[in-house]
Amino acid sequence: MLAALPAIIRRFLKTQPIQVRAATHQVIGWSQDDPCIADHAGLQRALAQYIVHGCRLDISDFSLPSLESLPLASGECIEFLTDQADIEALIAAPRAAYSW
């Protein structure tokens, strides 16, 4: 579902444009050996933020305390954001090497 969002594709995925008749499709990964994620840690951070933010919005309790950081396998820790603008900024900066 996330791959349907152009901002996610631009920020986190490596795609190959393929022309099929009048439409240009973006293929994400040709094979198991073809890495299609450009920023693994960034994608993990974004997914964790979106899941936690969505859960908090779902229960509509905005007085909840901040959550503890979440350690990743890479050793990096995710600090959960609460400000909507900060969460939206996770996907705002596209990779320079990608253009539609």
PDB file of N, CA and C in Angstrom:
ATOM      1  N   MET A   1       0.815  -1.178   0.000  1.00  0.00           N
ATOM      2  CA  MET A   1       0.000   0.000   0.000  1.00  0.00           C
ATOM      3  C   MET A   1       0.873   1.262   0.000  1.00  0.00           C
ATOM      4  N   LEU A   2       1.968   1.235   0.750  1.00  0.00           N
ATOM      5  CA  LEU A   2       2.822   2.420   0.802  1.00  0.00           C
ATOM      6  C   LEU A   2       3.445   2.738  -0.543  1.00  0.00           C
ATOM      7  N   ALA A   3       3.687   1.717  -1.352  1.00  0.00           N
ATOM      8  CA  ALA A   3       4.305   1.939  -2.659  1.00  0.00           C
ATOM      9  C   ALA A   3       3.365   2.673  -3.621  1.00  0.00           C
ATOM     10  N   ALA A   4       2.128   2.843  -3.246  1.00  0.00           N
ATOM     11  CA  ALA A   4       1.187   3.613  -4.067  1.00  0.00           C
ATOM     12  C   ALA A   4       1.351   5.113  -3.840  1.00  0.00           C
ATOM     13  N   LEU A   5       2.107   5.494  -2.835  1.00  0.00           N
ATOM     14  CA  LEU A   5       2.313   6.909  -2.519  1.00  0.00           C
ATOM     15  C   LEU A   5       3.601   7.408  -3.172  1.00  0.00           C
ATOM     16  N   PRO A   6       3.501   8.358  -4.099  1.00  0.00           N
ATOM     17  CA  PRO A   6       4.703   8.851  -4.789  1.00  0.00           C
ATOM     18  C   PRO A   6       5.802   9.350  -3.854  1.00  0.00           C
ATOM     19  N   ALA A   7       5.429   9.966  -2.742  1.00  0.00           N
ATOM     20  CA  ALA A   7       6.452  10.472  -1.817  1.00  0.00           C
ATOM     21  C   ALA A   7       7.246   9.326  -1.195  1.00  0.00           C
ATOM     22  N   ILE A   8       6.610   8.208  -0.908  1.00  0.00           N
ATOM     23  CA  ILE A   8       7.307   7.038  -0.362  1.00  0.00           C
ATOM     24  C   ILE A   8       8.257   6.474  -1.409  1.00  0.00           C
ATOM     25  N   ILE A   9       7.778   6.378  -2.640  1.00  0.00           N
ATOM     26  CA  ILE A   9       8.626   5.863  -3.720  1.00  0.00           C
ATOM     27  C   ILE A   9       9.854   6.750  -3.898  1.00  0.00           C
ATOM     28  N   ARG A  10       9.639   8.048  -3.971  1.00  0.00           N
ATOM     29  CA  ARG A  10      10.765   8.973  -4.180  1.00  0.00           C
ATOM     30  C   ARG A  10      11.767   8.911  -3.044  1.00  0.00           C
ATOM     31  N   ARG A  11      11.301   8.770  -1.823  1.00  0.00           N
ATOM     32  CA  ARG A  11      12.176   8.861  -0.658  1.00  0.00           C
ATOM     33  C   ARG A  11      12.893   7.546  -0.324  1.00  0.00           C
ATOM     34  N   PHE A  12      12.202   6.411  -0.477  1.00  0.00           N
ATOM     35  CA  PHE A  12      12.745   5.179   0.073  1.00  0.00           C
ATOM     36  C   PHE A  12      13.016   4.054  -0.921  1.00  0.00           C
ATOM     37  N   LEU A  13      12.438   4.074  -2.103  1.00  0.00           N
ATOM     38  CA  LEU A  13      12.534   2.934  -3.003  1.00  0.00           C
ATOM     39  C   LEU A  13      13.339   3.248  -4.257  1.00  0.00           C
ATOM     40  N   LYS A  14      13.906   2.199  -4.838  1.00  0.00           N
ATOM     41  CA  LYS A  14      14.585   2.296  -6.129  1.00  0.00           C
ATOM     42  C   LYS A  14      13.657   1.662  -7.156  1.00  0.00           C
ATOM     43  N   THR A  15      13.296   2.415  -8.160  1.00  0.00           N
ATOM     44  CA  THR A  15      12.380   1.897  -9.172  1.00  0.00           C
ATOM     45  C   THR A  15      12.994   2.009 -10.559  1.00  0.00           C
ATOM     46  N   GLN A  16      12.438   1.234 -11.462  1.00  0.00           N
ATOM     47  CA  GLN A  16      12.852   1.280 -12.865  1.00  0.00           C
ATOM     48  C   GLN A  16      11.608   1.597 -13.692  1.00  0.00           C
ATOM     49  N   PRO A  17      11.594   2.751 -14.392  1.00  0.00           N
ATOM     50  CA  PRO A  17      10.421   3.072 -15.204  1.00  0.00           C
ATOM     51  C   PRO A  17      10.347   2.178 -16.443  1.00  0.00           C
ATOM     52  N   ILE A  18       9.176   1.647 -16.697  1.00  0.00           N
ATOM     53  CA  ILE A  18       8.920   0.784 -17.848  1.00  0.00           C
ATOM     54  C   ILE A  18       7.713   1.339 -18.597  1.00  0.00           C
ATOM     55  N   GLN A  19       7.885   1.578 -19.881  1.00  0.00           N
ATOM     56  CA  GLN A  19       6.803   2.090 -20.720  1.00  0.00           C
ATOM     57  C   GLN A  19       5.972   0.919 -21.258  1.00  0.00           C
ATOM     58  N   VAL A  20       4.678   0.926 -20.996  1.00  0.00           N
ATOM     59  CA  VAL A  20       3.743  -0.062 -21.527  1.00  0.00           C
ATOM     60  C   VAL A  20       2.622   0.719 -22.203  1.00  0.00           C
ATOM     61  N   ARG A  21       2.668   0.688 -23.515  1.00  0.00           N
ATOM     62  CA  ARG A  21       1.751   1.485 -24.332  1.00  0.00           C
ATOM     63  C   ARG A  21       1.845   2.945 -23.901  1.00  0.00           C
ATOM     64  N   ALA A  22       0.764   3.534 -23.452  1.00  0.00           N
ATOM     65  CA  ALA A  22       0.777   4.962 -23.120  1.00  0.00           C
ATOM     66  C   ALA A  22       1.102   5.234 -21.652  1.00  0.00           C
ATOM     67  N   ALA A  23       1.286   4.190 -20.869  1.00  0.00           N
ATOM     68  CA  ALA A  23       1.520   4.364 -19.438  1.00  0.00           C
ATOM     69  C   ALA A  23       2.962   4.017 -19.067  1.00  0.00           C
ATOM     70  N   THR A  24       3.502   4.759 -18.117  1.00  0.00           N
ATOM     71  CA  THR A  24       4.817   4.453 -17.568  1.00  0.00           C
ATOM     72  C   THR A  24       4.614   3.868 -16.181  1.00  0.00           C
ATOM     73  N   HIS A  25       5.078   2.653 -15.978  1.00  0.00           N
ATOM     74  CA  HIS A  25       4.965   1.966 -14.703  1.00  0.00           C
ATOM     75  C   HIS A  25       6.316   2.007 -13.997  1.00  0.00           C
ATOM     76  N   GLN A  26       6.303   1.988 -12.675  1.00  0.00           N
ATOM     77  CA  GLN A  26       7.518   1.965 -11.879  1.00  0.00           C
ATOM     78  C   GLN A  26       7.666   0.569 -11.278  1.00  0.00           C
ATOM     79  N   VAL A  27       8.648  -0.198 -11.746  1.00  0.00           N
ATOM     80  CA  VAL A  27       8.888  -1.551 -11.234  1.00  0.00           C
ATOM     81  C   VAL A  27       9.806  -1.440 -10.020  1.00  0.00           C
ATOM     82  N   ILE A  28       9.383  -2.065  -8.940  1.00  0.00           N
ATOM     83  CA  ILE A  28      10.153  -2.040  -7.695  1.00  0.00           C
ATOM     84  C   ILE A  28      10.792  -3.410  -7.526  1.00  0.00           C
ATOM     85  N   GLY A  29      12.079  -3.521  -7.829  1.00  0.00           N
ATOM     86  CA  GLY A  29      12.820  -4.764  -7.666  1.00  0.00           C
ATOM     87  C   GLY A  29      12.499  -5.799  -8.731  1.00  0.00           C
ATOM     88  N   TRP A  30      13.491  -6.156  -9.508  1.00  0.00           N
ATOM     89  CA  TRP A  30      13.310  -7.140 -10.566  1.00  0.00           C
ATOM     90  C   TRP A  30      13.437  -8.565 -10.051  1.00  0.00           C
ATOM     91  N   SER A  31      14.229  -8.751  -9.001  1.00  0.00           N
ATOM     92  CA  SER A  31      14.454 -10.098  -8.486  1.00  0.00           C
ATOM     93  C   SER A  31      14.835 -10.003  -7.019  1.00  0.00           C
ATOM     94  N   GLN A  32      15.020 -11.154  -6.420  1.00  0.00           N
ATOM     95  CA  GLN A  32      15.428 -11.211  -5.017  1.00  0.00           C
ATOM     96  C   GLN A  32      16.818 -10.596  -4.827  1.00  0.00           C
ATOM     97  N   ASP A  33      17.649 -10.660  -5.855  1.00  0.00           N
ATOM     98  CA  ASP A  33      19.007 -10.126  -5.777  1.00  0.00           C
ATOM     99  C   ASP A  33      19.082  -8.633  -6.041  1.00  0.00           C
ATOM    100  N   ASP A  34      18.000  -8.036  -6.499  1.00  0.00           N
ATOM    101  CA  ASP A  34      17.964  -6.615  -6.841  1.00  0.00           C
ATOM    102  C   ASP A  34      17.422  -5.824  -5.655  1.00  0.00           C
ATOM    103  N   PRO A  35      18.291  -5.122  -4.918  1.00  0.00           N
ATOM    104  CA  PRO A  35      17.804  -4.362  -3.772  1.00  0.00           C
ATOM    105  C   PRO A  35      16.929  -3.198  -4.246  1.00  0.00           C
ATOM    106  N   CYS A  36      15.751  -3.108  -3.684  1.00  0.00           N
ATOM    107  CA  CYS A  36      14.825  -2.076  -4.139  1.00  0.00           C
ATOM    108  C   CYS A  36      14.558  -1.019  -3.075  1.00  0.00           C
ATOM    109  N   ILE A  37      15.162  -1.155  -1.913  1.00  0.00           N
ATOM    110  CA  ILE A  37      14.983  -0.161  -0.862  1.00  0.00           C
ATOM    111  C   ILE A  37      16.250   0.676  -0.783  1.00  0.00           C
ATOM    112  N   ALA A  38      16.088   1.963  -0.999  1.00  0.00           N
ATOM    113  CA  ALA A  38      17.237   2.870  -1.017  1.00  0.00           C
ATOM    114  C   ALA A  38      17.691   3.264   0.385  1.00  0.00           C
ATOM    115  N   ASP A  39      16.773   3.311   1.328  1.00  0.00           N
ATOM    116  CA  ASP A  39      17.089   3.770   2.678  1.00  0.00           C
ATOM    117  C   ASP A  39      16.358   2.877   3.679  1.00  0.00           C
ATOM    118  N   HIS A  40      17.007   1.761   4.066  1.00  0.00           N
ATOM    119  CA  HIS A  40      16.374   0.797   4.975  1.00  0.00           C
ATOM    120  C   HIS A  40      16.010   1.424   6.318  1.00  0.00           C
ATOM    121  N   ALA A  41      16.962   2.089   6.937  1.00  0.00           N
ATOM    122  CA  ALA A  41      16.711   2.676   8.260  1.00  0.00           C
ATOM    123  C   ALA A  41      15.640   3.761   8.172  1.00  0.00           C
ATOM    124  N   GLY A  42      15.671   4.556   7.119  1.00  0.00           N
ATOM    125  CA  GLY A  42      14.664   5.602   6.947  1.00  0.00           C
ATOM    126  C   GLY A  42      13.278   5.019   6.782  1.00  0.00           C
ATOM    127  N   LEU A  43      13.159   3.945   6.022  1.00  0.00           N
ATOM    128  CA  LEU A  43      11.868   3.293   5.837  1.00  0.00           C
ATOM    129  C   LEU A  43      11.383   2.684   7.153  1.00  0.00           C
ATOM    130  N   GLN A  44      12.277   2.084   7.920  1.00  0.00           N
ATOM    131  CA  GLN A  44      11.897   1.537   9.228  1.00  0.00           C
ATOM    132  C   GLN A  44      11.414   2.651  10.159  1.00  0.00           C
ATOM    133  N   ARG A  45      12.140   3.775  10.169  1.00  0.00           N
ATOM    134  CA  ARG A  45      11.732   4.904  11.009  1.00  0.00           C
ATOM    135  C   ARG A  45      10.341   5.397  10.612  1.00  0.00           C
ATOM    136  N   ALA A  46      10.125   5.569   9.314  1.00  0.00           N
ATOM    137  CA  ALA A  46       8.844   6.077   8.836  1.00  0.00           C
ATOM    138  C   ALA A  46       7.709   5.116   9.175  1.00  0.00           C
ATOM    139  N   LEU A  47       7.902   3.815   8.920  1.00  0.00           N
ATOM    140  CA  LEU A  47       6.857   2.833   9.221  1.00  0.00           C
ATOM    141  C   LEU A  47       6.517   2.826  10.706  1.00  0.00           C
ATOM    142  N   ALA A  48       7.523   2.823  11.564  1.00  0.00           N
ATOM    143  CA  ALA A  48       7.273   2.826  13.007  1.00  0.00           C
ATOM    144  C   ALA A  48       6.510   4.085  13.414  1.00  0.00           C
ATOM    145  N   GLN A  49       6.922   5.237  12.891  1.00  0.00           N
ATOM    146  CA  GLN A  49       6.242   6.490  13.220  1.00  0.00           C
ATOM    147  C   GLN A  49       4.779   6.451  12.778  1.00  0.00           C
ATOM    148  N   TYR A  50       4.539   5.980  11.549  1.00  0.00           N
ATOM    149  CA  TYR A  50       3.180   5.977  11.018  1.00  0.00           C
ATOM    150  C   TYR A  50       2.284   5.002  11.773  1.00  0.00           C
ATOM    151  N   ILE A  51       2.803   3.845  12.136  1.00  0.00           N
ATOM    152  CA  ILE A  51       2.001   2.869  12.882  1.00  0.00           C
ATOM    153  C   ILE A  51       1.636   3.412  14.257  1.00  0.00           C
ATOM    154  N   VAL A  52       2.624   3.931  14.973  1.00  0.00           N
ATOM    155  CA  VAL A  52       2.369   4.461  16.314  1.00  0.00           C
ATOM    156  C   VAL A  52       1.462   5.688  16.244  1.00  0.00           C
ATOM    157  N   HIS A  53       1.717   6.578  15.295  1.00  0.00           N
ATOM    158  CA  HIS A  53       0.890   7.780  15.158  1.00  0.00           C
ATOM    159  C   HIS A  53      -0.558   7.397  14.815  1.00  0.00           C
ATOM    160  N   GLY A  54      -0.725   6.430  13.917  1.00  0.00           N
ATOM    161  CA  GLY A  54      -2.067   5.985  13.559  1.00  0.00           C
ATOM    162  C   GLY A  54      -2.808   5.384  14.739  1.00  0.00           C
ATOM    163  N   CYS A  55      -2.116   4.607  15.558  1.00  0.00           N
ATOM    164  CA  CYS A  55      -2.747   4.027  16.751  1.00  0.00           C
ATOM    165  C   CYS A  55      -3.166   5.108  17.724  1.00  0.00           C
ATOM    166  N   ARG A  56      -2.309   6.102  17.895  1.00  0.00           N
ATOM    167  CA  ARG A  56      -2.640   7.185  18.822  1.00  0.00           C
ATOM    168  C   ARG A  56      -3.815   8.014  18.306  1.00  0.00           C
ATOM    169  N   LEU A  57      -3.854   8.255  17.005  1.00  0.00           N
ATOM    170  CA  LEU A  57      -4.991   8.983  16.440  1.00  0.00           C
ATOM    171  C   LEU A  57      -6.268   8.171  16.570  1.00  0.00           C
ATOM    172  N   ASP A  58      -6.165   6.853  16.421  1.00  0.00           N
ATOM    173  CA  ASP A  58      -7.335   5.979  16.485  1.00  0.00           C
ATOM    174  C   ASP A  58      -7.993   6.017  17.861  1.00  0.00           C
ATOM    175  N   ILE A  59      -7.197   6.072  18.918  1.00  0.00           N
ATOM    176  CA  ILE A  59      -7.800   6.093  20.253  1.00  0.00           C
ATOM    177  C   ILE A  59      -8.166   7.510  20.694  1.00  0.00           C
ATOM    178  N   SER A  60      -7.751   8.502  19.936  1.00  0.00           N
ATOM    179  CA  SER A  60      -8.119   9.910  20.178  1.00  0.00           C
ATOM    180  C   SER A  60      -7.789  10.390  21.587  1.00  0.00           C
ATOM    181  N   ASP A  61      -6.702   9.902  22.134  1.00  0.00           N
ATOM    182  CA  ASP A  61      -6.246  10.375  23.442  1.00  0.00           C
ATOM    183  C   ASP A  61      -4.899  11.053  23.231  1.00  0.00           C
ATOM    184  N   PHE A  62      -4.928  12.369  23.139  1.00  0.00           N
ATOM    185  CA  PHE A  62      -3.721  13.124  22.824  1.00  0.00           C
ATOM    186  C   PHE A  62      -2.947  13.551  24.065  1.00  0.00           C
ATOM    187  N   SER A  63      -3.392  13.091  25.225  1.00  0.00           N
ATOM    188  CA  SER A  63      -2.679  13.406  26.460  1.00  0.00           C
ATOM    189  C   SER A  63      -1.728  12.284  26.868  1.00  0.00           C
ATOM    190  N   LEU A  64      -1.584  11.291  26.010  1.00  0.00           N
ATOM    191  CA  LEU A  64      -0.690  10.174  26.333  1.00  0.00           C
ATOM    192  C   LEU A  64       0.748  10.663  26.448  1.00  0.00           C
ATOM    193  N   PRO A  65       1.520  10.072  27.344  1.00  0.00           N
ATOM    194  CA  PRO A  65       2.930  10.476  27.475  1.00  0.00           C
ATOM    195  C   PRO A  65       3.741  10.020  26.259  1.00  0.00           C
ATOM    196  N   SER A  66       4.907  10.596  26.114  1.00  0.00           N
ATOM    197  CA  SER A  66       5.813  10.196  25.033  1.00  0.00           C
ATOM    198  C   SER A  66       6.224   8.743  25.228  1.00  0.00           C
ATOM    199  N   LEU A  67       6.477   8.076  24.119  1.00  0.00           N
ATOM    200  CA  LEU A  67       6.908   6.685  24.167  1.00  0.00           C
ATOM    201  C   LEU A  67       8.424   6.607  24.267  1.00  0.00           C
ATOM    202  N   GLU A  68       8.893   5.479  24.792  1.00  0.00           N
ATOM    203  CA  GLU A  68      10.333   5.239  24.827  1.00  0.00           C
ATOM    204  C   GLU A  68      10.831   5.012  23.407  1.00  0.00           C
ATOM    205  N   SER A  69      12.117   5.194  23.203  1.00  0.00           N
ATOM    206  CA  SER A  69      12.680   4.973  21.878  1.00  0.00           C
ATOM    207  C   SER A  69      12.648   3.487  21.538  1.00  0.00           C
ATOM    208  N   LEU A  70      12.640   3.198  20.231  1.00  0.00           N
ATOM    209  CA  LEU A  70      12.576   1.830  19.731  1.00  0.00           C
ATOM    210  C   LEU A  70      13.913   1.488  19.076  1.00  0.00           C
ATOM    211  N   PRO A  71      14.647   0.494  19.605  1.00  0.00           N
ATOM    212  CA  PRO A  71      15.931   0.137  18.998  1.00  0.00           C
ATOM    213  C   PRO A  71      15.722  -0.684  17.717  1.00  0.00           C
ATOM    214  N   LEU A  72      16.522  -0.390  16.703  1.00  0.00           N
ATOM    215  CA  LEU A  72      16.508  -1.139  15.452  1.00  0.00           C
ATOM    216  C   LEU A  72      17.663  -2.125  15.437  1.00  0.00           C
ATOM    217  N   ALA A  73      17.622  -3.077  14.530  1.00  0.00           N
ATOM    218  CA  ALA A  73      18.691  -4.063  14.409  1.00  0.00           C
ATOM    219  C   ALA A  73      20.023  -3.406  14.075  1.00  0.00           C
ATOM    220  N   SER A  74      19.969  -2.250  13.404  1.00  0.00           N
ATOM    221  CA  SER A  74      21.189  -1.544  13.012  1.00  0.00           C
ATOM    222  C   SER A  74      21.884  -0.872  14.195  1.00  0.00           C
ATOM    223  N   GLY A  75      21.222  -0.856  15.357  1.00  0.00           N
ATOM    224  CA  GLY A  75      21.769  -0.173  16.522  1.00  0.00           C
ATOM    225  C   GLY A  75      21.210   1.223  16.690  1.00  0.00           C
ATOM    226  N   GLU A  76      20.559   1.729  15.665  1.00  0.00           N
ATOM    227  CA  GLU A  76      19.921   3.039  15.719  1.00  0.00           C
ATOM    228  C   GLU A  76      18.650   2.941  16.550  1.00  0.00           C
ATOM    229  N   CYS A  77      18.246   4.039  17.164  1.00  0.00           N
ATOM    230  CA  CYS A  77      17.004   4.080  17.932  1.00  0.00           C
ATOM    231  C   CYS A  77      16.044   5.076  17.304  1.00  0.00           C
ATOM    232  N   ILE A  78      14.772   4.730  17.295  1.00  0.00           N
ATOM    233  CA  ILE A  78      13.739   5.619  16.774  1.00  0.00           C
ATOM    234  C   ILE A  78      13.133   6.390  17.937  1.00  0.00           C
ATOM    235  N   GLU A  79      13.194   7.686  17.853  1.00  0.00           N
ATOM    236  CA  GLU A  79      12.519   8.559  18.819  1.00  0.00           C
ATOM    237  C   GLU A  79      11.173   8.920  18.210  1.00  0.00           C
ATOM    238  N   PHE A  80      10.097   8.595  18.890  1.00  0.00           N
ATOM    239  CA  PHE A  80       8.772   8.822  18.320  1.00  0.00           C
ATOM    240  C   PHE A  80       8.394  10.294  18.341  1.00  0.00           C
ATOM    241  N   LEU A  81       7.888  10.757  17.222  1.00  0.00           N
ATOM    242  CA  LEU A  81       7.476  12.144  17.044  1.00  0.00           C
ATOM    243  C   LEU A  81       6.001  12.282  17.388  1.00  0.00           C
ATOM    244  N   THR A  82       5.614  13.458  17.858  1.00  0.00           N
ATOM    245  CA  THR A  82       4.206  13.707  18.146  1.00  0.00           C
ATOM    246  C   THR A  82       3.646  14.847  17.313  1.00  0.00           C
ATOM    247  N   ASP A  83       4.505  15.686  16.769  1.00  0.00           N
ATOM    248  CA  ASP A  83       4.051  16.826  15.974  1.00  0.00           C
ATOM    249  C   ASP A  83       3.745  16.380  14.536  1.00  0.00           C
ATOM    250  N   GLN A  84       2.570  16.724  14.042  1.00  0.00           N
ATOM    251  CA  GLN A  84       2.138  16.311  12.706  1.00  0.00           C
ATOM    252  C   GLN A  84       3.119  16.775  11.628  1.00  0.00           C
ATOM    253  N   ALA A  85       3.635  17.986  11.729  1.00  0.00           N
ATOM    254  CA  ALA A  85       4.567  18.509  10.717  1.00  0.00           C
ATOM    255  C   ALA A  85       5.860  17.693  10.690  1.00  0.00           C
ATOM    256  N   ASP A  86       6.337  17.270  11.846  1.00  0.00           N
ATOM    257  CA  ASP A  86       7.547  16.446  11.905  1.00  0.00           C
ATOM    258  C   ASP A  86       7.315  15.086  11.257  1.00  0.00           C
ATOM    259  N   ILE A  87       6.148  14.517  11.466  1.00  0.00           N
ATOM    260  CA  ILE A  87       5.825  13.215  10.886  1.00  0.00           C
ATOM    261  C   ILE A  87       5.713  13.325   9.371  1.00  0.00           C
ATOM    262  N   GLU A  88       5.075  14.377   8.888  1.00  0.00           N
ATOM    263  CA  GLU A  88       4.964  14.579   7.444  1.00  0.00           C
ATOM    264  C   GLU A  88       6.323  14.828   6.803  1.00  0.00           C
ATOM    265  N   ALA A  89       7.245  15.418   7.543  1.00  0.00           N
ATOM    266  CA  ALA A  89       8.579  15.707   7.016  1.00  0.00           C
ATOM    267  C   ALA A  89       9.407  14.440   6.800  1.00  0.00           C
ATOM    268  N   LEU A  90       8.990  13.312   7.370  1.00  0.00           N
ATOM    269  CA  LEU A  90       9.729  12.058   7.185  1.00  0.00           C
ATOM    270  C   LEU A  90       9.828  11.663   5.716  1.00  0.00           C
ATOM    271  N   ILE A  91       8.822  12.011   4.931  1.00  0.00           N
ATOM    272  CA  ILE A  91       8.853  11.638   3.513  1.00  0.00           C
ATOM    273  C   ILE A  91       8.957  12.846   2.603  1.00  0.00           C
ATOM    274  N   ALA A  92       9.126  14.022   3.155  1.00  0.00           N
ATOM    275  CA  ALA A  92       9.112  15.238   2.341  1.00  0.00           C
ATOM    276  C   ALA A  92      10.365  15.410   1.486  1.00  0.00           C
ATOM    277  N   ALA A  93      11.501  14.945   1.935  1.00  0.00           N
ATOM    278  CA  ALA A  93      12.754  15.160   1.212  1.00  0.00           C
ATOM    279  C   ALA A  93      13.001  14.017   0.233  1.00  0.00           C
ATOM    280  N   PRO A  94      12.753  14.233  -1.059  1.00  0.00           N
ATOM    281  CA  PRO A  94      12.980  13.147  -2.027  1.00  0.00           C
ATOM    282  C   PRO A  94      14.466  12.916  -2.256  1.00  0.00           C
ATOM    283  N   ARG A  95      14.797  11.703  -2.682  1.00  0.00           N
ATOM    284  CA  ARG A  95      16.171  11.400  -3.050  1.00  0.00           C
ATOM    285  C   ARG A  95      16.515  12.198  -4.308  1.00  0.00           C
ATOM    286  N   ALA A  96      17.698  12.717  -4.367  1.00  0.00           N
ATOM    287  CA  ALA A  96      18.117  13.540  -5.515  1.00  0.00           C
ATOM    288  C   ALA A  96      18.229  12.715  -6.807  1.00  0.00           C
ATOM    289  N   ALA A  97      18.501  11.436  -6.695  1.00  0.00           N
ATOM    290  CA  ALA A  97      18.732  10.622  -7.884  1.00  0.00           C
ATOM    291  C   ALA A  97      17.453  10.166  -8.577  1.00  0.00           C
ATOM    292  N   TYR A  98      16.310  10.478  -8.006  1.00  0.00           N
ATOM    293  CA  TYR A  98      15.059   9.977  -8.564  1.00  0.00           C
ATOM    294  C   TYR A  98      14.236  11.127  -9.122  1.00  0.00           C
ATOM    295  N   SER A  99      13.673  10.932 -10.275  1.00  0.00           N
ATOM    296  CA  SER A  99      12.728  11.918 -10.811  1.00  0.00           C
ATOM    297  C   SER A  99      11.646  11.181 -11.561  1.00  0.00           C
ATOM    298  N   TRP A 100      10.456  11.713 -11.541  1.00  0.00           N
ATOM    299  CA  TRP A 100       9.333  11.104 -12.245  1.00  0.00           C
ATOM    300  C   TRP A 100       9.363  11.515 -13.663  1.00  0.00           C
TER     301      TRP A 100
END
